[in-house]
Each structure stands twice: as structure tokens, then as C-alpha cells.
Protein backbone atom coordinates (compact mmCIF):
# COMPACT_ATOMS: atom_id res chain seq x y z
CA MET A 1 -29.38 -36.68 -16.44
CA PRO A 2 -26.76 -34.30 -14.98
CA GLN A 3 -28.05 -31.01 -13.72
CA THR A 4 -28.33 -28.00 -16.11
CA ASP A 5 -27.54 -24.34 -15.29
CA LEU A 6 -31.10 -23.19 -15.91
CA SER A 7 -32.66 -22.48 -12.63
CA PRO A 8 -36.18 -23.69 -12.12
CA ILE A 9 -37.25 -20.10 -11.42
CA SER A 10 -36.05 -19.06 -14.77
CA ALA A 11 -37.84 -21.96 -16.43
CA ALA A 12 -41.13 -21.02 -14.65
CA PRO A 13 -41.21 -17.31 -13.72
CA GLY A 14 -42.95 -16.67 -10.45
CA ALA A 15 -42.80 -20.33 -9.29
CA ALA A 16 -41.65 -20.79 -5.71
CA VAL A 17 -38.82 -23.40 -5.30
CA LEU A 18 -37.99 -24.78 -1.82
CA HIS A 19 -34.53 -26.25 -1.27
CA ASP A 20 -33.54 -28.41 1.55
CA VAL A 21 -30.06 -26.84 1.42
CA LEU A 22 -29.00 -23.68 -0.44
CA ILE A 23 -25.20 -23.13 -0.64
CA ILE A 24 -23.93 -19.67 -1.36
CA GLY A 25 -20.41 -19.88 -2.93
CA GLY A 26 -19.15 -22.43 -5.38
CA GLY A 27 -15.43 -22.43 -4.31
CA LEU A 28 -13.41 -25.21 -2.76
CA VAL A 29 -15.65 -25.72 0.30
CA GLY A 30 -19.02 -24.98 -1.19
CA ALA A 31 -18.60 -27.26 -4.23
CA SER A 32 -17.22 -30.00 -1.99
CA LEU A 33 -20.35 -29.74 0.29
CA ALA A 34 -22.62 -29.94 -2.73
CA ILE A 35 -20.89 -33.16 -3.83
CA ALA A 36 -21.15 -34.60 -0.28
CA LEU A 37 -24.90 -33.88 -0.04
CA ASP A 38 -25.84 -35.10 -3.55
CA ARG A 39 -26.63 -38.70 -2.85
CA LEU A 40 -28.81 -38.05 0.21
CA GLY A 41 -31.87 -37.40 -1.94
CA LEU A 42 -32.17 -33.73 -1.01
CA GLU A 43 -33.06 -30.76 -2.99
CA VAL A 44 -29.70 -28.84 -3.12
CA GLY A 45 -29.00 -25.56 -4.73
CA LEU A 46 -25.61 -24.00 -5.41
CA VAL A 47 -25.36 -20.30 -5.96
CA GLU A 48 -22.26 -19.38 -7.90
CA ALA A 49 -20.88 -16.04 -9.05
CA THR A 50 -19.00 -17.41 -12.02
CA ALA A 51 -20.54 -18.33 -15.33
CA PRO A 52 -20.50 -21.85 -16.78
CA GLY A 53 -17.11 -22.50 -18.36
CA ALA A 54 -15.33 -20.29 -15.93
CA LEU A 55 -13.64 -21.19 -12.61
CA PRO A 56 -13.96 -18.93 -9.41
CA ALA A 57 -10.87 -16.73 -8.83
CA VAL A 58 -9.92 -18.92 -5.81
CA PHE A 59 -8.96 -21.63 -8.31
CA ASP A 60 -5.57 -20.06 -9.22
CA GLU A 61 -1.96 -21.14 -9.13
CA ARG A 62 -1.87 -21.51 -5.38
CA ASN A 63 -0.61 -24.77 -4.09
CA LEU A 64 -3.11 -26.60 -1.68
CA SER A 65 -1.64 -28.99 0.85
CA PHE A 66 -4.24 -31.89 1.26
CA ALA A 67 -3.81 -33.76 4.63
CA GLU A 68 -4.35 -37.52 4.46
CA ALA A 69 -7.77 -37.01 5.97
CA THR A 70 -8.62 -34.58 3.04
CA VAL A 71 -7.34 -37.09 0.48
CA ASN A 72 -9.42 -39.90 2.01
CA ALA A 73 -12.67 -37.73 1.96
CA LEU A 74 -12.15 -36.31 -1.67
CA THR A 75 -11.40 -39.85 -2.88
CA ALA A 76 -14.59 -41.15 -1.22
CA LEU A 77 -16.41 -38.24 -2.97
CA GLY A 78 -14.99 -39.11 -6.51
CA VAL A 79 -13.02 -35.82 -6.79
CA MET A 80 -9.35 -36.99 -6.50
CA GLN A 81 -10.03 -39.44 -9.46
CA LYS A 82 -10.96 -36.41 -11.59
CA LEU A 83 -7.56 -34.73 -11.25
CA ARG A 84 -5.85 -34.68 -14.52
CA ALA A 85 -2.51 -33.14 -13.51
CA PRO A 86 -0.10 -35.04 -11.36
CA THR A 87 -0.04 -34.29 -7.64
CA GLY A 88 3.02 -34.28 -5.26
CA ALA A 89 3.31 -36.60 -2.33
CA ILE A 90 4.39 -35.19 1.03
CA GLU A 91 6.63 -37.86 2.42
CA ARG A 92 8.36 -35.79 5.00
CA ILE A 93 8.10 -32.29 6.57
CA HIS A 94 11.13 -30.29 7.37
CA VAL A 95 10.75 -27.32 9.73
CA SER A 96 13.34 -24.72 10.71
CA ARG A 97 13.56 -21.06 11.79
CA ALA A 98 16.02 -18.48 10.34
CA GLY A 99 18.45 -17.38 13.09
CA ASP A 100 17.54 -20.24 15.48
CA PHE A 101 19.24 -23.41 16.17
CA GLY A 102 17.81 -26.79 15.39
CA ARG A 103 15.23 -28.22 12.99
CA SER A 104 12.52 -30.82 13.07
CA VAL A 105 11.92 -33.50 10.41
CA LEU A 106 8.77 -35.62 10.46
CA GLU A 107 8.86 -38.79 8.32
CA ALA A 108 5.68 -40.52 7.15
CA ALA A 109 7.47 -43.78 6.99
CA LYS A 110 8.00 -43.85 10.77
CA TYR A 111 4.20 -43.80 11.27
CA GLY A 112 3.53 -46.53 8.83
CA ARG A 113 2.39 -44.21 6.07
CA SER A 114 3.81 -43.62 2.62
CA GLU A 115 2.91 -39.98 2.87
CA PHE A 116 1.16 -37.31 5.06
CA GLY A 117 -0.77 -35.90 2.17
CA ARG A 118 -0.53 -34.39 -1.28
CA ILE A 119 0.18 -31.15 -2.95
CA VAL A 120 -2.49 -30.07 -5.53
CA VAL A 121 -2.58 -26.97 -7.57
CA ALA A 122 -5.71 -25.01 -6.86
CA ARG A 123 -6.62 -24.62 -10.60
CA ASP A 124 -6.31 -28.45 -11.18
CA PHE A 125 -8.53 -29.03 -8.16
CA GLY A 126 -11.14 -26.64 -9.49
CA GLU A 127 -11.31 -28.51 -12.73
CA ALA A 128 -11.62 -31.79 -10.84
CA LEU A 129 -14.50 -30.36 -8.77
CA GLU A 130 -16.20 -29.03 -11.80
CA ALA A 131 -15.98 -32.37 -13.58
CA ARG A 132 -17.49 -34.07 -10.47
CA LEU A 133 -20.22 -31.46 -10.16
CA ALA A 134 -21.22 -32.08 -13.73
CA GLU A 135 -22.09 -35.61 -12.92
CA LEU A 136 -24.54 -34.81 -10.14
CA ALA A 137 -28.10 -35.65 -11.09
CA ARG A 138 -29.98 -33.72 -8.38
CA LEU A 139 -28.05 -30.48 -7.83
CA ARG A 140 -29.41 -27.23 -9.12
CA ARG A 141 -26.83 -24.74 -9.95
CA TYR A 142 -27.52 -21.07 -10.23
CA ARG A 143 -24.81 -19.33 -12.18
CA PRO A 144 -23.86 -16.54 -12.65
CA MET A 145 -25.86 -15.33 -9.73
CA ARG A 146 -25.06 -12.87 -6.96
CA PHE A 147 -26.29 -13.00 -3.30
CA LEU A 148 -27.97 -9.74 -2.42
CA GLY A 149 -29.44 -10.34 1.02
CA LEU A 150 -32.24 -12.03 3.02
CA ALA A 151 -36.06 -11.60 3.01
CA ASP A 152 -38.70 -12.63 5.20
CA GLY A 153 -39.00 -16.43 4.98
CA GLY A 154 -41.05 -17.13 8.08
CA SER A 155 -39.99 -19.62 10.80
CA ASP A 156 -39.83 -22.75 8.48
CA THR A 157 -37.59 -21.44 5.78
CA ARG A 158 -35.03 -18.77 4.77
CA ALA A 159 -35.78 -16.45 1.90
CA VAL A 160 -32.71 -15.46 -0.02
CA ARG A 161 -32.53 -12.46 -2.38
CA VAL A 162 -30.24 -13.26 -5.44
CA ALA A 163 -29.80 -11.64 -8.77
CA ASP A 164 -28.67 -12.74 -12.20
CA VAL A 165 -28.71 -11.10 -15.79
CA ASP A 166 -32.54 -11.21 -15.62
CA GLY A 167 -32.76 -9.33 -12.38
CA GLU A 168 -33.61 -10.00 -8.82
CA ARG A 169 -35.46 -13.05 -7.50
CA VAL A 170 -35.92 -14.98 -4.31
CA LEU A 171 -34.94 -18.51 -3.47
CA HIS A 172 -36.31 -20.45 -0.43
CA THR A 173 -34.44 -23.01 1.67
CA ARG A 174 -34.76 -24.88 4.89
CA LEU A 175 -31.04 -24.50 5.50
CA LEU A 176 -28.83 -21.62 4.13
CA VAL A 177 -25.05 -22.34 4.02
CA ALA A 178 -22.62 -19.52 3.80
CA ALA A 179 -19.60 -20.72 1.81
CA ASP A 180 -18.90 -17.36 0.29
CA GLY A 181 -15.32 -16.63 1.72
CA THR A 182 -13.57 -14.43 4.12
CA ARG A 183 -15.74 -11.31 3.41
CA SER A 184 -18.97 -13.34 3.43
CA GLY A 185 -22.06 -11.29 2.54
CA VAL A 186 -24.25 -13.98 3.96
CA ARG A 187 -22.49 -13.85 7.30
CA GLU A 188 -22.98 -10.01 7.34
CA ALA A 189 -26.62 -10.44 6.39
CA LEU A 190 -27.11 -12.85 9.20
CA GLY A 191 -25.80 -10.35 11.71
CA ILE A 192 -22.81 -12.55 12.75
CA GLY A 193 -19.85 -10.52 13.82
CA VAL A 194 -16.15 -11.34 13.38
CA ASP A 195 -12.97 -11.07 15.29
CA GLU A 196 -10.09 -9.97 13.11
CA HIS A 197 -6.27 -9.73 13.55
CA ASP A 198 -4.01 -8.30 10.85
CA TYR A 199 -0.71 -10.10 10.84
CA ALA A 200 0.85 -7.17 8.77
CA GLN A 201 2.32 -9.79 6.49
CA THR A 202 1.81 -10.54 2.74
CA LEU A 203 2.30 -13.99 1.08
CA PHE A 204 3.76 -14.29 -2.44
CA VAL A 205 2.83 -17.51 -4.11
CA THR A 206 4.35 -18.98 -7.32
CA ARG A 207 5.78 -22.07 -8.88
CA LEU A 208 9.52 -22.29 -8.56
CA ARG A 209 12.26 -24.40 -10.23
CA SER A 210 15.52 -25.31 -8.52
CA GLU A 211 18.61 -27.42 -9.15
CA ARG A 212 17.16 -30.27 -7.18
CA ALA A 213 13.81 -31.58 -7.97
CA PRO A 214 11.37 -32.36 -5.28
CA ASP A 215 11.95 -35.57 -3.38
CA GLY A 216 8.73 -35.67 -1.36
CA THR A 217 10.00 -33.16 1.32
CA ALA A 218 7.79 -30.13 2.22
CA TYR A 219 9.93 -27.39 3.67
CA GLU A 220 8.76 -24.71 6.09
CA ARG A 221 11.33 -22.04 7.20
CA PHE A 222 9.94 -19.50 9.55
CA GLY A 223 11.28 -15.93 9.77
CA ALA A 224 10.36 -12.55 11.20
CA ASP A 225 8.21 -11.56 8.35
CA GLY A 226 6.32 -14.95 7.96
CA PRO A 227 7.20 -18.40 6.60
CA THR A 228 8.93 -19.41 3.43
CA ALA A 229 7.74 -22.80 2.32
CA LEU A 230 8.62 -25.05 -0.57
CA LEU A 231 5.99 -27.71 -1.39
CA PRO A 232 6.68 -30.68 -3.61
CA ARG A 233 4.37 -30.42 -6.56
CA GLY A 234 3.78 -33.25 -9.03
CA ASP A 235 5.38 -31.44 -12.00
CA ARG A 236 8.92 -31.53 -10.70
CA SER A 237 8.66 -28.01 -9.56
CA PHE A 238 8.06 -26.57 -5.99
CA GLY A 239 5.11 -24.55 -4.90
CA LEU A 240 6.60 -21.45 -3.23
CA VAL A 241 5.10 -19.43 -0.46
CA HIS A 242 7.06 -16.46 0.69
CA GLY A 243 6.08 -14.12 3.58
CA VAL A 244 7.21 -10.55 3.66
CA ALA A 245 6.35 -7.61 5.85
CA ARG A 246 3.33 -5.73 4.57
CA ALA A 247 5.23 -2.53 4.34
CA GLU A 248 7.60 -4.17 1.97
CA ALA A 249 5.02 -6.01 -0.30
CA ASP A 250 4.83 -3.37 -3.05
CA ALA A 251 8.72 -3.30 -3.24
CA VAL A 252 8.92 -7.09 -3.40
CA ALA A 253 6.09 -7.21 -6.01
CA ALA A 254 8.16 -4.85 -8.18
CA LEU A 255 11.24 -7.00 -8.12
CA ASP A 256 12.21 -8.68 -11.42
CA GLU A 257 12.46 -12.46 -11.49
CA ALA A 258 16.28 -12.57 -10.68
CA ALA A 259 15.95 -10.30 -7.70
CA PHE A 260 12.89 -12.00 -6.36
CA LEU A 261 14.69 -15.34 -6.48
CA ALA A 262 17.83 -13.89 -4.73
CA ARG A 263 15.53 -12.65 -2.03
CA VAL A 264 13.81 -16.03 -1.56
CA GLN A 265 17.22 -17.72 -1.69
CA THR A 266 18.42 -15.70 1.22
CA ALA A 267 15.37 -16.39 3.21
CA PHE A 268 15.26 -20.13 2.49
CA GLY A 269 18.92 -21.22 2.13
CA TRP A 270 20.37 -23.91 -0.20
CA ARG A 271 18.70 -27.10 0.78
CA VAL A 272 17.47 -27.72 -2.73
CA GLY A 273 20.28 -25.99 -4.51
CA ARG A 274 20.10 -22.75 -6.49
CA PHE A 275 16.75 -21.35 -7.55
CA LEU A 276 16.52 -21.22 -11.28
CA GLY A 277 13.28 -19.66 -12.16
CA CYS A 278 9.73 -19.00 -11.11
CA GLY A 279 6.21 -18.44 -12.59
CA PRO A 280 3.91 -15.55 -12.22
CA ARG A 281 3.56 -14.30 -8.64
CA SER A 282 0.28 -13.72 -6.69
CA ALA A 283 0.20 -11.77 -3.41
CA TYR A 284 -2.27 -12.13 -0.54
CA ALA A 285 -2.54 -10.00 2.65
CA LEU A 286 -2.77 -12.19 5.76
CA THR A 287 -5.56 -11.34 8.11
CA ARG A 288 -7.26 -13.80 10.59
CA VAL A 289 -11.10 -13.47 10.50
CA LEU A 290 -13.11 -15.57 12.88
CA ALA A 291 -16.83 -15.56 12.89
CA GLN A 292 -18.27 -15.07 16.41
CA ALA A 293 -20.87 -17.78 15.82
CA LEU A 294 -21.08 -20.70 13.48
CA THR A 295 -24.84 -20.80 13.17
CA ALA A 296 -28.02 -18.70 12.98
CA PRO A 297 -31.60 -19.79 12.72
CA ARG A 298 -31.70 -22.00 9.62
CA ALA A 299 -28.24 -20.98 8.69
CA VAL A 300 -24.62 -22.24 9.11
CA LEU A 301 -21.02 -21.04 8.21
CA VAL A 302 -18.45 -23.18 6.68
CA GLY A 303 -14.89 -22.63 5.35
CA ASN A 304 -13.47 -19.24 5.10
CA ALA A 305 -16.83 -17.71 5.98
CA ALA A 306 -16.46 -19.37 9.37
CA GLN A 307 -12.77 -18.81 9.79
CA THR A 308 -9.93 -17.52 7.67
CA ILE A 309 -6.64 -18.39 9.36
CA HIS A 310 -2.96 -17.89 8.81
CA PRO A 311 -1.80 -20.46 6.21
CA ILE A 312 1.21 -21.42 8.30
CA GLY A 313 1.00 -25.13 8.73
CA ALA A 314 -1.32 -25.39 5.63
CA GLN A 315 -4.47 -25.99 7.66
CA GLY A 316 -7.11 -23.62 6.09
CA PHE A 317 -8.72 -25.73 3.40
CA ASN A 318 -8.41 -28.96 5.37
CA LEU A 319 -10.33 -27.20 8.19
CA GLY A 320 -12.94 -25.79 5.90
CA LEU A 321 -13.53 -29.13 4.22
CA ARG A 322 -14.08 -30.76 7.64
CA ASP A 323 -16.66 -28.18 8.25
CA ALA A 324 -18.58 -29.21 5.19
CA LEU A 325 -18.26 -32.93 5.74
CA THR A 326 -19.21 -32.69 9.35
CA LEU A 327 -22.44 -30.81 8.22
CA ALA A 328 -23.22 -33.43 5.53
CA GLU A 329 -22.61 -36.28 8.00
CA LEU A 330 -24.90 -34.71 10.64
CA ILE A 331 -27.72 -34.13 7.99
CA GLU A 332 -27.33 -37.71 6.78
CA ASN A 333 -27.43 -39.08 10.37
CA ALA A 334 -30.49 -37.05 11.33
CA ARG A 335 -32.39 -37.95 8.22
CA ARG A 336 -31.61 -41.59 8.64
CA GLU A 337 -33.02 -41.46 12.26
CA THR A 338 -36.36 -40.11 10.84
CA ASN A 339 -36.38 -42.37 7.67
CA GLY A 340 -36.64 -38.99 5.91
CA ALA A 341 -40.17 -38.47 7.15
CA GLY A 342 -40.70 -34.88 7.85
CA PHE A 343 -36.96 -34.28 8.13
CA ASP A 344 -35.83 -30.64 8.24
CA CYS A 345 -32.15 -29.85 7.35
CA GLY A 346 -32.46 -26.54 9.27
CA ASP A 347 -33.67 -28.07 12.50
CA THR A 348 -32.13 -26.44 15.61
CA ALA A 349 -30.88 -29.78 16.80
CA VAL A 350 -28.79 -30.27 13.65
CA LEU A 351 -27.23 -26.72 13.96
CA ALA A 352 -26.46 -27.15 17.58
CA GLN A 353 -24.77 -30.53 16.83
CA TYR A 354 -22.78 -28.78 14.04
CA ALA A 355 -21.54 -26.10 16.40
CA ALA A 356 -20.60 -28.61 19.06
CA ARG A 357 -18.94 -30.94 16.68
CA ARG A 358 -16.76 -28.21 15.21
CA ARG A 359 -15.69 -26.53 18.44
CA GLU A 360 -12.63 -28.66 19.33
CA ASP A 361 -11.19 -29.07 15.82
CA ARG A 362 -11.80 -25.39 15.03
CA GLY A 363 -10.48 -24.10 18.33
CA ARG A 364 -7.37 -26.21 18.21
CA THR A 365 -6.57 -25.56 14.62
CA VAL A 366 -7.00 -21.85 14.97
CA ALA A 367 -4.90 -21.76 18.15
CA PHE A 368 -2.19 -23.84 16.49
CA SER A 369 -1.91 -21.66 13.32
CA ASP A 370 -2.19 -18.31 15.22
CA GLY A 371 0.19 -19.31 17.92
CA LEU A 372 2.78 -20.66 15.46
CA ALA A 373 2.41 -17.54 13.29
CA ARG A 374 3.08 -15.15 16.33
CA PHE A 375 5.71 -17.29 18.05
CA THR A 376 7.85 -17.87 14.99
CA ALA A 377 7.71 -14.25 13.85
CA ASN A 378 8.49 -12.56 17.18
CA GLU A 379 12.16 -11.34 17.14
CA LEU A 380 12.41 -10.97 21.06
CA PRO A 381 15.91 -12.50 21.96
CA LEU A 382 14.47 -14.42 24.85
CA LEU A 383 12.29 -16.45 22.48
CA ARG A 384 15.11 -17.84 20.39
CA PRO A 385 16.21 -20.41 22.88
CA LEU A 386 12.60 -21.41 23.47
CA ARG A 387 11.97 -21.80 19.75
CA SER A 388 15.24 -23.84 19.46
CA LEU A 389 14.13 -26.07 22.43
CA GLY A 390 10.74 -26.49 20.68
CA LEU A 391 12.32 -27.62 17.46
CA PHE A 392 14.56 -30.02 19.27
CA ALA A 393 11.50 -31.36 21.17
CA ALA A 394 9.50 -31.74 18.00
CA ASP A 395 12.41 -33.63 16.45
CA ARG A 396 13.11 -35.99 19.33
CA LEU A 397 10.05 -36.43 21.69
CA PRO A 398 7.52 -39.02 20.41
CA SER A 399 4.61 -37.25 22.07
CA ALA A 400 5.38 -33.89 20.47
CA GLN A 401 5.86 -35.62 17.07
CA ALA A 402 2.66 -37.52 17.40
CA TYR A 403 0.70 -34.26 17.99
CA LEU A 404 2.32 -32.63 14.98
CA VAL A 405 1.82 -35.59 12.74
CA GLY A 406 -1.87 -35.83 13.80
CA ALA A 407 -2.35 -32.27 12.81
CA ALA A 408 -0.42 -32.61 9.62
CA MET A 409 -2.71 -35.54 8.52
CA GLY A 410 -5.92 -33.82 9.54
CA TYR A 411 -6.92 -36.00 12.47
CA ARG A 412 -7.56 -33.39 15.07
CA GLY A 413 -10.66 -33.81 17.28
CA ASP A 414 -13.93 -35.30 16.11
CA VAL A 415 -13.37 -35.47 12.33
CA PRO A 416 -15.93 -36.79 9.76
CA ALA A 417 -16.09 -40.57 8.94
CA LEU A 418 -15.05 -39.82 5.36
CA CYS A 419 -11.75 -38.27 6.54
CA ARG A 420 -10.99 -41.52 8.35
CA GLY A 421 -11.48 -43.59 5.22
CA GLY A 422 -15.30 -44.07 5.73
CA THR A 423 -17.70 -44.59 2.81
CA GLN A 424 -19.47 -42.13 0.75
CA PRO A 425 -22.86 -41.17 2.15
CA GLY A 426 -25.47 -43.03 0.22
CA ALA A 427 -29.20 -42.54 -0.60
CA LEU A 428 -31.59 -43.62 1.98
CA ALA A 429 -33.86 -46.48 1.40
């Protein structure tokens, strides 16, 4: 039988429930982790702020760029098969910078691939995750429920204070997972600090129609105020991402459709012809937030709670999913080694391995997105020839292209087996 939304504590007031893993946050990464853990025979709980029948706010009209590694993993987890709306293939990536010479074009076909990845609308992905979550037999979903803080759980468990319409209660877990986003309440309760950098940019996101329909090309055009990207959706529209200086964000938000399209056309150019129309616009202030540690005793951070990075290069969700899948893989491996006898998901060795496994991928991805965002936005005249030389190298030098292609496809560092086309974790005998 699929799980219900009635928590065991609600069913039996006062009863203590011990989870192997308790995930706070039912967004993109938290839900994906719950799915990855389901067949390991563990007691997993998922605390979600939204009620049954509703999707978290993160599942909006944003366009998610799934690297090939992400597509592999989500297919193995049975999520891609649940998508009802068409997705868009990324067959090539076209990169340029306003005011600089040169451009770089990466072709998937040159690397024996039909595509680098796919464009998926966040709302469609949310519906697919929900459909897959509904099939999980062991998962206990607590919704709508809010995280309040931590209580004394002793050395063997974490005690987590939560609240729903019936009031406050305490859940117990051997491993607490913070998947509750950039302003993570769990991270704060654990006493893990953050390093922040405000890019002073705001991104506008919408669906855009143009004279020429998408042909599999993802365009990223850099500028002083951030990138303007056109992503090939599956509905014959483009997903638009348009960066503006924070000081101009209110004025840009107030533009009517025609004026907004004219602004974007000026920033992007005419590579896909005239822009004809766009859907509702959403705006997001860009701030990099990096947790100073990925683990605490019996606790771990994943996704945006661990790092929220500049979306340039479309690395954010792909990185967060690799967090979740690495954790699931380490739990599976450690449990297999003990045959499940006395296995503890919150063991310090598992957490140490997680921090070590994520170090290279996280460090290189953060450095790539942050460096690219700063370098491409800087208007110093001396940087223009350097950027043009970089675009030339990226277009002509095999080593430079190979690095960019590996990053675009999600194969950076020690990635989980599911990302490389491995099999879905299975129940232990």
C-alpha cells in the first residue's frame, strides 16, 4: 500500500517514532532523496510545508536544465517516466558575450551523444515527483508540517521539533537531512554558519515565443548585468532567463510585455528572430550562500541548504541532486557492508565519507559558477580581450571543450553511480 499523509504520531498520540532518516523539505532535492532511499528498507520520513494536493512554491514556471547525469539518475529512480509534458533536448550550447568578440558552440554529436541534457519546467517536474512519491510503500510523509527546531535527543538520535494544525510534537531520527532551501532553518538550528555574496543582480524568468522555434540549441549570452539565456523547451517555446542590475529590477518588473521583450531583444540579439510574446514573469534576487560545513553530529545538508549558487551555467539543481544521490549511495553501501545488522544511518563514518565525496564536485562547481558570473559581468576594458580569447579557446581547443562538456553533462568529480547510468538501489537481502 502506498504511504498516507497521516503521521504515526497523529495516529497514536504520545507514541515515539524513530526514523532512520528524516528529511526536512519536500522540494526538488528532498523529494528526490526520499525516492532514492525508498527501496533500502529504511524508515524514512519527509517533512513538507505544503498540504496534500499542493506543490511547493519552488515548482513554478522556472526552466530546469537537467544534465545528462541528472537525466540518467532520475530515469533510474522512475521520475522521468512520470513527466506528462514534453521536455526539450539540449543538442548544442551557444555561448557569447555582449560587446566581446567570438563565441563558443558545443555540439553533443561531436561527443557521440544525441544531447547534453533536457529542459524541464519546474512545475512539470514537481508533478512527476509527486506521482512517484505516491507510489512509495515505506515513506512516511508529514504534511503540512513546519520545522521548529531541535530538542535533546541524546547521542544516538536527533530529536526534531515540528508543528502541524494539531500543535507541536517531536520526531526522532538517526540522521537528520536539511533539504529546506537557501534560508535553511535546520542549518541555522545546527549552528552551521554561511558565507554569502550578493551579486547585486536579479533574474527574470518566463516562457518566450519567437519567430523561430527551438532547434535544440541552448543560448547563453553574458552581459554586464548577468546572463540572458534562451533554453529549448519541449512546447516549441523558449525558457527565458534575463539578468538585470538589482537597482533596475523594480523598473524592469513594471515594464509591459512589449517593452520587456524589446529590452530582452536588445540584450540577446536576433539569433532566433523577433520575440513575439512571453508568459508571466517571476523575479529572483541572486545571492550565493555557502554553508561552512556539510555535516553536524547526526545531520547533513543537501541541495540549496548546503549551497545556493549563481544559476549561470545551470548547475544548481544538478549539484543538489548529486548531493542527495551521494548520500543515498553511501547509506546503501554502508548498510550492505553490515548486512543491515545494527546499521546506523547517522554514523560518523558515513557523514565523514559524505563530506569527503562532495568536496571536489562542490568546490569545482561553485568555483566555476562564481568565477564565470564575476568574469563575464566585469566591464574592465582589459578583460574584454581575455574573454574573447577564452571564447575562442572554448570553441577551438579540445581540452577546453572537454572540460566544459563534462561540466554541462554533470560528470565532474566523483559522481554517484546512478548519474553514470548505474542501477536503482535495491532492497537488501
